[in-house]
Amino acid sequence: MLFYSFFKTLIGQPVVVELKNDLSIQGILLSVDQFLNIKLDDIRVTDEKRFPHMMSVKNCFIRGSVIRYVQLPAAAIDTELLQDATRRENLAEK
């Protein structure tokens, strides 16, 4: 639940999502759910020559299980808040 809550704070921010098939998609985070499924708007594929069929797509839904990495804007990350939330979740598990 920690990552779900964290990603919800990033809605409206630009992110880059790298999929397990090496497709990287840059876009604005519209929504995220508890399975870390992601909706992106105003997308752009970083390697257009390799994935030309994605040129006409403007928004997409990405299933959480096919995501390898999510690159986040450094300015949008509150590391102190994330560390505190991690500590609280760790204490709750004990």
PDB file of N, CA and C in Angstrom:
ATOM      1  N   MET A   1       0.812  -1.198   0.000  1.00  0.00           N
ATOM      2  CA  MET A   1       0.000   0.000   0.000  1.00  0.00           C
ATOM      3  C   MET A   1       0.852   1.258   0.000  1.00  0.00           C
ATOM      4  N   LEU A   2       2.097   1.140   0.442  1.00  0.00           N
ATOM      5  CA  LEU A   2       2.972   2.307   0.498  1.00  0.00           C
ATOM      6  C   LEU A   2       3.200   2.887  -0.890  1.00  0.00           C
ATOM      7  N   PHE A   3       3.504   2.031  -1.854  1.00  0.00           N
ATOM      8  CA  PHE A   3       3.767   2.522  -3.202  1.00  0.00           C
ATOM      9  C   PHE A   3       2.503   3.071  -3.840  1.00  0.00           C
ATOM     10  N   TYR A   4       1.384   2.453  -3.583  1.00  0.00           N
ATOM     11  CA  TYR A   4       0.114   2.945  -4.108  1.00  0.00           C
ATOM     12  C   TYR A   4      -0.149   4.356  -3.603  1.00  0.00           C
ATOM     13  N   SER A   5      -0.002   4.560  -2.299  1.00  0.00           N
ATOM     14  CA  SER A   5      -0.207   5.893  -1.722  1.00  0.00           C
ATOM     15  C   SER A   5       0.790   6.890  -2.277  1.00  0.00           C
ATOM     16  N   PHE A   6       2.023   6.453  -2.449  1.00  0.00           N
ATOM     17  CA  PHE A   6       3.060   7.338  -2.974  1.00  0.00           C
ATOM     18  C   PHE A   6       2.750   7.751  -4.411  1.00  0.00           C
ATOM     19  N   PHE A   7       2.385   6.795  -5.254  1.00  0.00           N
ATOM     20  CA  PHE A   7       2.089   7.114  -6.650  1.00  0.00           C
ATOM     21  C   PHE A   7       0.854   8.001  -6.780  1.00  0.00           C
ATOM     22  N   LYS A   8      -0.093   7.884  -5.863  1.00  0.00           N
ATOM     23  CA  LYS A   8      -1.271   8.749  -5.903  1.00  0.00           C
ATOM     24  C   LYS A   8      -0.890  10.213  -5.722  1.00  0.00           C
ATOM     25  N   THR A   9       0.183  10.468  -4.983  1.00  0.00           N
ATOM     26  CA  THR A   9       0.627  11.854  -4.801  1.00  0.00           C
ATOM     27  C   THR A   9       1.265  12.418  -6.054  1.00  0.00           C
ATOM     28  N   LEU A  10       1.608  11.567  -7.005  1.00  0.00           N
ATOM     29  CA  LEU A  10       2.276  12.007  -8.234  1.00  0.00           C
ATOM     30  C   LEU A  10       1.324  12.219  -9.405  1.00  0.00           C
ATOM     31  N   ILE A  11       0.028  12.079  -9.176  1.00  0.00           N
ATOM     32  CA  ILE A  11      -0.939  12.271 -10.256  1.00  0.00           C
ATOM     33  C   ILE A  11      -0.814  13.693 -10.792  1.00  0.00           C
ATOM     34  N   GLY A  12      -0.750  13.798 -12.119  1.00  0.00           N
ATOM     35  CA  GLY A  12      -0.575  15.084 -12.778  1.00  0.00           C
ATOM     36  C   GLY A  12       0.874  15.404 -13.106  1.00  0.00           C
ATOM     37  N   GLN A  13       1.793  14.556 -12.649  1.00  0.00           N
ATOM     38  CA  GLN A  13       3.219  14.770 -12.893  1.00  0.00           C
ATOM     39  C   GLN A  13       3.674  13.970 -14.117  1.00  0.00           C
ATOM     40  N   PRO A  14       4.696  14.455 -14.819  1.00  0.00           N
ATOM     41  CA  PRO A  14       5.253  13.672 -15.932  1.00  0.00           C
ATOM     42  C   PRO A  14       6.095  12.508 -15.395  1.00  0.00           C
ATOM     43  N   VAL A  15       5.930  11.338 -15.991  1.00  0.00           N
ATOM     44  CA  VAL A  15       6.701  10.155 -15.617  1.00  0.00           C
ATOM     45  C   VAL A  15       7.130   9.423 -16.884  1.00  0.00           C
ATOM     46  N   VAL A  16       8.133   8.580 -16.739  1.00  0.00           N
ATOM     47  CA  VAL A  16       8.549   7.688 -17.818  1.00  0.00           C
ATOM     48  C   VAL A  16       8.377   6.265 -17.300  1.00  0.00           C
ATOM     49  N   VAL A  17       7.621   5.455 -18.029  1.00  0.00           N
ATOM     50  CA  VAL A  17       7.364   4.073 -17.637  1.00  0.00           C
ATOM     51  C   VAL A  17       8.088   3.170 -18.628  1.00  0.00           C
ATOM     52  N   GLU A  18       8.981   2.337 -18.104  1.00  0.00           N
ATOM     53  CA  GLU A  18       9.672   1.362 -18.946  1.00  0.00           C
ATOM     54  C   GLU A  18       9.020   0.007 -18.731  1.00  0.00           C
ATOM     55  N   LEU A  19       8.611  -0.612 -19.828  1.00  0.00           N
ATOM     56  CA  LEU A  19       7.940  -1.904 -19.756  1.00  0.00           C
ATOM     57  C   LEU A  19       8.946  -3.038 -19.896  1.00  0.00           C
ATOM     58  N   LYS A  20       8.517  -4.240 -19.569  1.00  0.00           N
ATOM     59  CA  LYS A  20       9.393  -5.408 -19.646  1.00  0.00           C
ATOM     60  C   LYS A  20       9.794  -5.749 -21.074  1.00  0.00           C
ATOM     61  N   ASN A  21       9.054  -5.242 -22.071  1.00  0.00           N
ATOM     62  CA  ASN A  21       9.417  -5.490 -23.472  1.00  0.00           C
ATOM     63  C   ASN A  21      10.310  -4.376 -24.024  1.00  0.00           C
ATOM     64  N   ASP A  22      10.903  -3.569 -23.139  1.00  0.00           N
ATOM     65  CA  ASP A  22      11.840  -2.483 -23.466  1.00  0.00           C
ATOM     66  C   ASP A  22      11.187  -1.254 -24.073  1.00  0.00           C
ATOM     67  N   LEU A  23       9.874  -1.176 -24.087  1.00  0.00           N
ATOM     68  CA  LEU A  23       9.174   0.015 -24.552  1.00  0.00           C
ATOM     69  C   LEU A  23       9.159   1.031 -23.411  1.00  0.00           C
ATOM     70  N   SER A  24       9.597   2.253 -23.689  1.00  0.00           N
ATOM     71  CA  SER A  24       9.564   3.334 -22.707  1.00  0.00           C
ATOM     72  C   SER A  24       8.563   4.377 -23.160  1.00  0.00           C
ATOM     73  N   ILE A  25       7.654   4.727 -22.261  1.00  0.00           N
ATOM     74  CA  ILE A  25       6.587   5.666 -22.575  1.00  0.00           C
ATOM     75  C   ILE A  25       6.657   6.831 -21.591  1.00  0.00           C
ATOM     76  N   GLN A  26       6.702   8.035 -22.142  1.00  0.00           N
ATOM     77  CA  GLN A  26       6.706   9.237 -21.325  1.00  0.00           C
ATOM     78  C   GLN A  26       5.326   9.860 -21.400  1.00  0.00           C
ATOM     79  N   GLY A  27       4.783  10.275 -20.252  1.00  0.00           N
ATOM     80  CA  GLY A  27       3.462  10.877 -20.250  1.00  0.00           C
ATOM     81  C   GLY A  27       3.096  11.448 -18.901  1.00  0.00           C
ATOM     82  N   ILE A  28       1.904  11.995 -18.822  1.00  0.00           N
ATOM     83  CA  ILE A  28       1.389  12.573 -17.589  1.00  0.00           C
ATOM     84  C   ILE A  28       0.589  11.500 -16.854  1.00  0.00           C
ATOM     85  N   LEU A  29       0.913  11.274 -15.596  1.00  0.00           N
ATOM     86  CA  LEU A  29       0.227  10.264 -14.793  1.00  0.00           C
ATOM     87  C   LEU A  29      -1.199  10.727 -14.497  1.00  0.00           C
ATOM     88  N   LEU A  30      -2.181   9.972 -15.009  1.00  0.00           N
ATOM     89  CA  LEU A  30      -3.592  10.303 -14.781  1.00  0.00           C
ATOM     90  C   LEU A  30      -4.156   9.594 -13.570  1.00  0.00           C
ATOM     91  N   SER A  31      -3.820   8.304 -13.427  1.00  0.00           N
ATOM     92  CA  SER A  31      -4.335   7.547 -12.282  1.00  0.00           C
ATOM     93  C   SER A  31      -3.477   6.312 -12.050  1.00  0.00           C
ATOM     94  N   VAL A  32      -3.619   5.783 -10.855  1.00  0.00           N
ATOM     95  CA  VAL A  32      -2.941   4.550 -10.460  1.00  0.00           C
ATOM     96  C   VAL A  32      -3.888   3.821  -9.512  1.00  0.00           C
ATOM     97  N   ASP A  33      -3.857   2.487  -9.547  1.00  0.00           N
ATOM     98  CA  ASP A  33      -4.708   1.726  -8.627  1.00  0.00           C
ATOM     99  C   ASP A  33      -3.856   0.859  -7.709  1.00  0.00           C
ATOM    100  N   GLN A  34      -4.510   0.067  -6.860  1.00  0.00           N
ATOM    101  CA  GLN A  34      -3.799  -0.715  -5.855  1.00  0.00           C
ATOM    102  C   GLN A  34      -2.922  -1.807  -6.451  1.00  0.00           C
ATOM    103  N   PHE A  35      -3.127  -2.150  -7.727  1.00  0.00           N
ATOM    104  CA  PHE A  35      -2.276  -3.130  -8.405  1.00  0.00           C
ATOM    105  C   PHE A  35      -1.153  -2.449  -9.167  1.00  0.00           C
ATOM    106  N   LEU A  36      -1.028  -1.130  -9.002  1.00  0.00           N
ATOM    107  CA  LEU A  36      -0.066  -0.277  -9.693  1.00  0.00           C
ATOM    108  C   LEU A  36      -0.286  -0.280 -11.199  1.00  0.00           C
ATOM    109  N   ASN A  37      -1.537  -0.503 -11.614  1.00  0.00           N
ATOM    110  CA  ASN A  37      -1.901  -0.253 -13.006  1.00  0.00           C
ATOM    111  C   ASN A  37      -1.887   1.256 -13.188  1.00  0.00           C
ATOM    112  N   ILE A  38      -1.422   1.715 -14.331  1.00  0.00           N
ATOM    113  CA  ILE A  38      -1.200   3.144 -14.548  1.00  0.00           C
ATOM    114  C   ILE A  38      -1.921   3.612 -15.799  1.00  0.00           C
ATOM    115  N   LYS A  39      -2.522   4.798 -15.725  1.00  0.00           N
ATOM    116  CA  LYS A  39      -3.080   5.469 -16.901  1.00  0.00           C
ATOM    117  C   LYS A  39      -2.231   6.693 -17.180  1.00  0.00           C
ATOM    118  N   LEU A  40      -1.806   6.839 -18.439  1.00  0.00           N
ATOM    119  CA  LEU A  40      -0.996   7.977 -18.860  1.00  0.00           C
ATOM    120  C   LEU A  40      -1.718   8.748 -19.948  1.00  0.00           C
ATOM    121  N   ASP A  41      -1.530  10.053 -19.965  1.00  0.00           N
ATOM    122  CA  ASP A  41      -2.099  10.923 -20.981  1.00  0.00           C
ATOM    123  C   ASP A  41      -0.962  11.675 -21.665  1.00  0.00           C
ATOM    124  N   ASP A  42      -1.224  12.130 -22.887  1.00  0.00           N
ATOM    125  CA  ASP A  42      -0.246  12.912 -23.650  1.00  0.00           C
ATOM    126  C   ASP A  42       1.080  12.160 -23.746  1.00  0.00           C
ATOM    127  N   ILE A  43       0.988  10.887 -24.192  1.00  0.00           N
ATOM    128  CA  ILE A  43       2.180  10.034 -24.181  1.00  0.00           C
ATOM    129  C   ILE A  43       3.057  10.254 -25.399  1.00  0.00           C
ATOM    130  N   ARG A  44       4.314   9.881 -25.207  1.00  0.00           N
ATOM    131  CA  ARG A  44       5.313   9.911 -26.266  1.00  0.00           C
ATOM    132  C   ARG A  44       6.243   8.730 -26.038  1.00  0.00           C
ATOM    133  N   VAL A  45       6.505   7.971 -27.094  1.00  0.00           N
ATOM    134  CA  VAL A  45       7.412   6.831 -27.012  1.00  0.00           C
ATOM    135  C   VAL A  45       8.827   7.352 -27.191  1.00  0.00           C
ATOM    136  N   THR A  46       9.745   6.910 -26.337  1.00  0.00           N
ATOM    137  CA  THR A  46      11.105   7.439 -26.402  1.00  0.00           C
ATOM    138  C   THR A  46      11.891   6.890 -27.592  1.00  0.00           C
ATOM    139  N   ASP A  47      11.572   5.687 -28.057  1.00  0.00           N
ATOM    140  CA  ASP A  47      12.261   5.095 -29.215  1.00  0.00           C
ATOM    141  C   ASP A  47      11.248   4.903 -30.342  1.00  0.00           C
ATOM    142  N   GLU A  48      10.950   5.995 -31.046  1.00  0.00           N
ATOM    143  CA  GLU A  48       9.907   5.959 -32.077  1.00  0.00           C
ATOM    144  C   GLU A  48      10.276   5.093 -33.274  1.00  0.00           C
ATOM    145  N   LYS A  49      11.537   4.957 -33.580  1.00  0.00           N
ATOM    146  CA  LYS A  49      11.950   4.123 -34.718  1.00  0.00           C
ATOM    147  C   LYS A  49      11.697   2.645 -34.444  1.00  0.00           C
ATOM    148  N   ARG A  50      11.863   2.245 -33.198  1.00  0.00           N
ATOM    149  CA  ARG A  50      11.675   0.839 -32.838  1.00  0.00           C
ATOM    150  C   ARG A  50      10.197   0.487 -32.641  1.00  0.00           C
ATOM    151  N   PHE A  51       9.383   1.478 -32.252  1.00  0.00           N
ATOM    152  CA  PHE A  51       7.964   1.250 -31.984  1.00  0.00           C
ATOM    153  C   PHE A  51       7.115   2.253 -32.775  1.00  0.00           C
ATOM    154  N   PRO A  52       7.152   2.200 -34.102  1.00  0.00           N
ATOM    155  CA  PRO A  52       6.413   3.199 -34.893  1.00  0.00           C
ATOM    156  C   PRO A  52       4.896   3.099 -34.750  1.00  0.00           C
ATOM    157  N   HIS A  53       4.384   1.932 -34.395  1.00  0.00           N
ATOM    158  CA  HIS A  53       2.943   1.752 -34.243  1.00  0.00           C
ATOM    159  C   HIS A  53       2.384   2.535 -33.052  1.00  0.00           C
ATOM    160  N   MET A  54       3.248   3.024 -32.169  1.00  0.00           N
ATOM    161  CA  MET A  54       2.814   3.777 -31.002  1.00  0.00           C
ATOM    162  C   MET A  54       2.750   5.281 -31.259  1.00  0.00           C
ATOM    163  N   MET A  55       3.106   5.706 -32.464  1.00  0.00           N
ATOM    164  CA  MET A  55       3.154   7.144 -32.775  1.00  0.00           C
ATOM    165  C   MET A  55       1.777   7.803 -32.686  1.00  0.00           C
ATOM    166  N   SER A  56       0.719   7.098 -33.024  1.00  0.00           N
ATOM    167  CA  SER A  56      -0.609   7.702 -33.058  1.00  0.00           C
ATOM    168  C   SER A  56      -1.359   7.597 -31.727  1.00  0.00           C
ATOM    169  N   VAL A  57      -0.790   6.920 -30.752  1.00  0.00           N
ATOM    170  CA  VAL A  57      -1.448   6.736 -29.465  1.00  0.00           C
ATOM    171  C   VAL A  57      -1.229   7.978 -28.597  1.00  0.00           C
ATOM    172  N   LYS A  58      -2.303   8.487 -28.010  1.00  0.00           N
ATOM    173  CA  LYS A  58      -2.208   9.703 -27.193  1.00  0.00           C
ATOM    174  C   LYS A  58      -2.358   9.433 -25.694  1.00  0.00           C
ATOM    175  N   ASN A  59      -3.044   8.357 -25.330  1.00  0.00           N
ATOM    176  CA  ASN A  59      -3.145   7.977 -23.918  1.00  0.00           C
ATOM    177  C   ASN A  59      -3.170   6.459 -23.835  1.00  0.00           C
ATOM    178  N   CYS A  60      -2.856   5.930 -22.655  1.00  0.00           N
ATOM    179  CA  CYS A  60      -2.793   4.471 -22.546  1.00  0.00           C
ATOM    180  C   CYS A  60      -3.018   4.016 -21.111  1.00  0.00           C
ATOM    181  N   PHE A  61      -3.353   2.752 -20.990  1.00  0.00           N
ATOM    182  CA  PHE A  61      -3.489   2.054 -19.719  1.00  0.00           C
ATOM    183  C   PHE A  61      -2.386   1.014 -19.696  1.00  0.00           C
ATOM    184  N   ILE A  62      -1.616   0.969 -18.620  1.00  0.00           N
ATOM    185  CA  ILE A  62      -0.515   0.012 -18.515  1.00  0.00           C
ATOM    186  C   ILE A  62      -0.760  -0.880 -17.312  1.00  0.00           C
ATOM    187  N   ARG A  63      -0.807  -2.166 -17.562  1.00  0.00           N
ATOM    188  CA  ARG A  63      -0.997  -3.130 -16.480  1.00  0.00           C
ATOM    189  C   ARG A  63       0.260  -3.165 -15.607  1.00  0.00           C
ATOM    190  N   GLY A  64       0.080  -3.144 -14.308  1.00  0.00           N
ATOM    191  CA  GLY A  64       1.193  -3.084 -13.372  1.00  0.00           C
ATOM    192  C   GLY A  64       2.184  -4.224 -13.508  1.00  0.00           C
ATOM    193  N   SER A  65       1.731  -5.404 -13.893  1.00  0.00           N
ATOM    194  CA  SER A  65       2.622  -6.567 -13.976  1.00  0.00           C
ATOM    195  C   SER A  65       3.598  -6.506 -15.151  1.00  0.00           C
ATOM    196  N   VAL A  66       3.385  -5.588 -16.096  1.00  0.00           N
ATOM    197  CA  VAL A  66       4.307  -5.492 -17.241  1.00  0.00           C
ATOM    198  C   VAL A  66       5.286  -4.327 -17.092  1.00  0.00           C
ATOM    199  N   ILE A  67       5.226  -3.629 -15.969  1.00  0.00           N
ATOM    200  CA  ILE A  67       6.106  -2.484 -15.740  1.00  0.00           C
ATOM    201  C   ILE A  67       7.427  -2.952 -15.143  1.00  0.00           C
ATOM    202  N   ARG A  68       8.519  -2.486 -15.731  1.00  0.00           N
ATOM    203  CA  ARG A  68       9.853  -2.766 -15.194  1.00  0.00           C
ATOM    204  C   ARG A  68      10.289  -1.631 -14.261  1.00  0.00           C
ATOM    205  N   TYR A  69      10.239  -0.394 -14.744  1.00  0.00           N
ATOM    206  CA  TYR A  69      10.654   0.774 -13.963  1.00  0.00           C
ATOM    207  C   TYR A  69       9.687   1.922 -14.191  1.00  0.00           C
ATOM    208  N   VAL A  70       9.614   2.803 -13.214  1.00  0.00           N
ATOM    209  CA  VAL A  70       8.919   4.072 -13.370  1.00  0.00           C
ATOM    210  C   VAL A  70       9.903   5.162 -12.957  1.00  0.00           C
ATOM    211  N   GLN A  71      10.241   6.031 -13.906  1.00  0.00           N
ATOM    212  CA  GLN A  71      11.146   7.136 -13.621  1.00  0.00           C
ATOM    213  C   GLN A  71      10.300   8.345 -13.237  1.00  0.00           C
ATOM    214  N   LEU A  72      10.622   8.917 -12.090  1.00  0.00           N
ATOM    215  CA  LEU A  72       9.836  10.004 -11.535  1.00  0.00           C
ATOM    216  C   LEU A  72      10.627  11.306 -11.569  1.00  0.00           C
ATOM    217  N   PRO A  73       9.937  12.443 -11.647  1.00  0.00           N
ATOM    218  CA  PRO A  73      10.647  13.725 -11.586  1.00  0.00           C
ATOM    219  C   PRO A  73      11.202  13.942 -10.178  1.00  0.00           C
ATOM    220  N   ALA A  74      12.473  14.268 -10.077  1.00  0.00           N
ATOM    221  CA  ALA A  74      13.123  14.421  -8.777  1.00  0.00           C
ATOM    222  C   ALA A  74      12.464  15.504  -7.932  1.00  0.00           C
ATOM    223  N   ALA A  75      11.992  16.546  -8.561  1.00  0.00           N
ATOM    224  CA  ALA A  75      11.383  17.654  -7.825  1.00  0.00           C
ATOM    225  C   ALA A  75      10.056  17.259  -7.176  1.00  0.00           C
ATOM    226  N   ALA A  76       9.414  16.223  -7.677  1.00  0.00           N
ATOM    227  CA  ALA A  76       8.098  15.825  -7.167  1.00  0.00           C
ATOM    228  C   ALA A  76       8.183  14.839  -6.007  1.00  0.00           C
ATOM    229  N   ILE A  77       9.384  14.405  -5.656  1.00  0.00           N
ATOM    230  CA  ILE A  77       9.535  13.381  -4.630  1.00  0.00           C
ATOM    231  C   ILE A  77       9.926  14.017  -3.306  1.00  0.00           C
ATOM    232  N   ASP A  78       9.116  13.795  -2.296  1.00  0.00           N
ATOM    233  CA  ASP A  78       9.403  14.250  -0.944  1.00  0.00           C
ATOM    234  C   ASP A  78      10.026  13.070  -0.202  1.00  0.00           C
ATOM    235  N   THR A  79      11.358  13.022  -0.157  1.00  0.00           N
ATOM    236  CA  THR A  79      12.050  11.870   0.419  1.00  0.00           C
ATOM    237  C   THR A  79      11.786  11.723   1.913  1.00  0.00           C
ATOM    238  N   GLU A  80      11.645  12.834   2.623  1.00  0.00           N
ATOM    239  CA  GLU A  80      11.371  12.734   4.058  1.00  0.00           C
ATOM    240  C   GLU A  80      10.014  12.091   4.320  1.00  0.00           C
ATOM    241  N   LEU A  81       9.016  12.492   3.559  1.00  0.00           N
ATOM    242  CA  LEU A  81       7.685  11.908   3.703  1.00  0.00           C
ATOM    243  C   LEU A  81       7.715  10.413   3.377  1.00  0.00           C
ATOM    244  N   LEU A  82       8.428  10.039   2.335  1.00  0.00           N
ATOM    245  CA  LEU A  82       8.536   8.635   1.935  1.00  0.00           C
ATOM    246  C   LEU A  82       9.271   7.818   3.002  1.00  0.00           C
ATOM    247  N   GLN A  83      10.333   8.364   3.571  1.00  0.00           N
ATOM    248  CA  GLN A  83      11.060   7.660   4.629  1.00  0.00           C
ATOM    249  C   GLN A  83      10.191   7.473   5.871  1.00  0.00           C
ATOM    250  N   ASP A  84       9.453   8.511   6.256  1.00  0.00           N
ATOM    251  CA  ASP A  84       8.561   8.398   7.414  1.00  0.00           C
ATOM    252  C   ASP A  84       7.481   7.347   7.182  1.00  0.00           C
ATOM    253  N   ALA A  85       6.901   7.340   5.990  1.00  0.00           N
ATOM    254  CA  ALA A  85       5.859   6.360   5.672  1.00  0.00           C
ATOM    255  C   ALA A  85       6.429   4.942   5.690  1.00  0.00           C
ATOM    256  N   THR A  86       7.657   4.782   5.225  1.00  0.00           N
ATOM    257  CA  THR A  86       8.307   3.470   5.232  1.00  0.00           C
ATOM    258  C   THR A  86       8.533   2.998   6.663  1.00  0.00           C
ATOM    259  N   ARG A  87       8.993   3.906   7.514  1.00  0.00           N
ATOM    260  CA  ARG A  87       9.200   3.548   8.925  1.00  0.00           C
ATOM    261  C   ARG A  87       7.882   3.136   9.592  1.00  0.00           C
ATOM    262  N   ARG A  88       6.821   3.925   9.352  1.00  0.00           N
ATOM    263  CA  ARG A  88       5.522   3.602   9.951  1.00  0.00           C
ATOM    264  C   ARG A  88       5.013   2.245   9.482  1.00  0.00           C
ATOM    265  N   GLU A  89       5.172   1.959   8.187  1.00  0.00           N
ATOM    266  CA  GLU A  89       4.699   0.671   7.670  1.00  0.00           C
ATOM    267  C   GLU A  89       5.522  -0.473   8.246  1.00  0.00           C
ATOM    268  N   ASN A  90       6.812  -0.245   8.416  1.00  0.00           N
ATOM    269  CA  ASN A  90       7.676  -1.269   8.975  1.00  0.00           C
ATOM    270  C   ASN A  90       7.302  -1.552  10.421  1.00  0.00           C
ATOM    271  N   LEU A  91       7.006  -0.517  11.195  1.00  0.00           N
ATOM    272  CA  LEU A  91       6.601  -0.709  12.596  1.00  0.00           C
ATOM    273  C   LEU A  91       5.252  -1.405  12.695  1.00  0.00           C
ATOM    274  N   ALA A  92       4.355  -1.125  11.762  1.00  0.00           N
ATOM    275  CA  ALA A  92       3.027  -1.741  11.785  1.00  0.00           C
ATOM    276  C   ALA A  92       3.102  -3.240  11.493  1.00  0.00           C
ATOM    277  N   GLU A  93       4.118  -3.673  10.758  1.00  0.00           N
ATOM    278  CA  GLU A  93       4.257  -5.097  10.421  1.00  0.00           C
ATOM    279  C   GLU A  93       4.764  -5.908  11.599  1.00  0.00           C
ATOM    280  N   LYS A  94       5.437  -5.261  12.539  1.00  0.00           N
ATOM    281  CA  LYS A  94       6.040  -5.998  13.676  1.00  0.00           C
ATOM    282  C   LYS A  94       5.056  -6.315  14.737  1.00  0.00           C
TER     283      LYS A  94
END
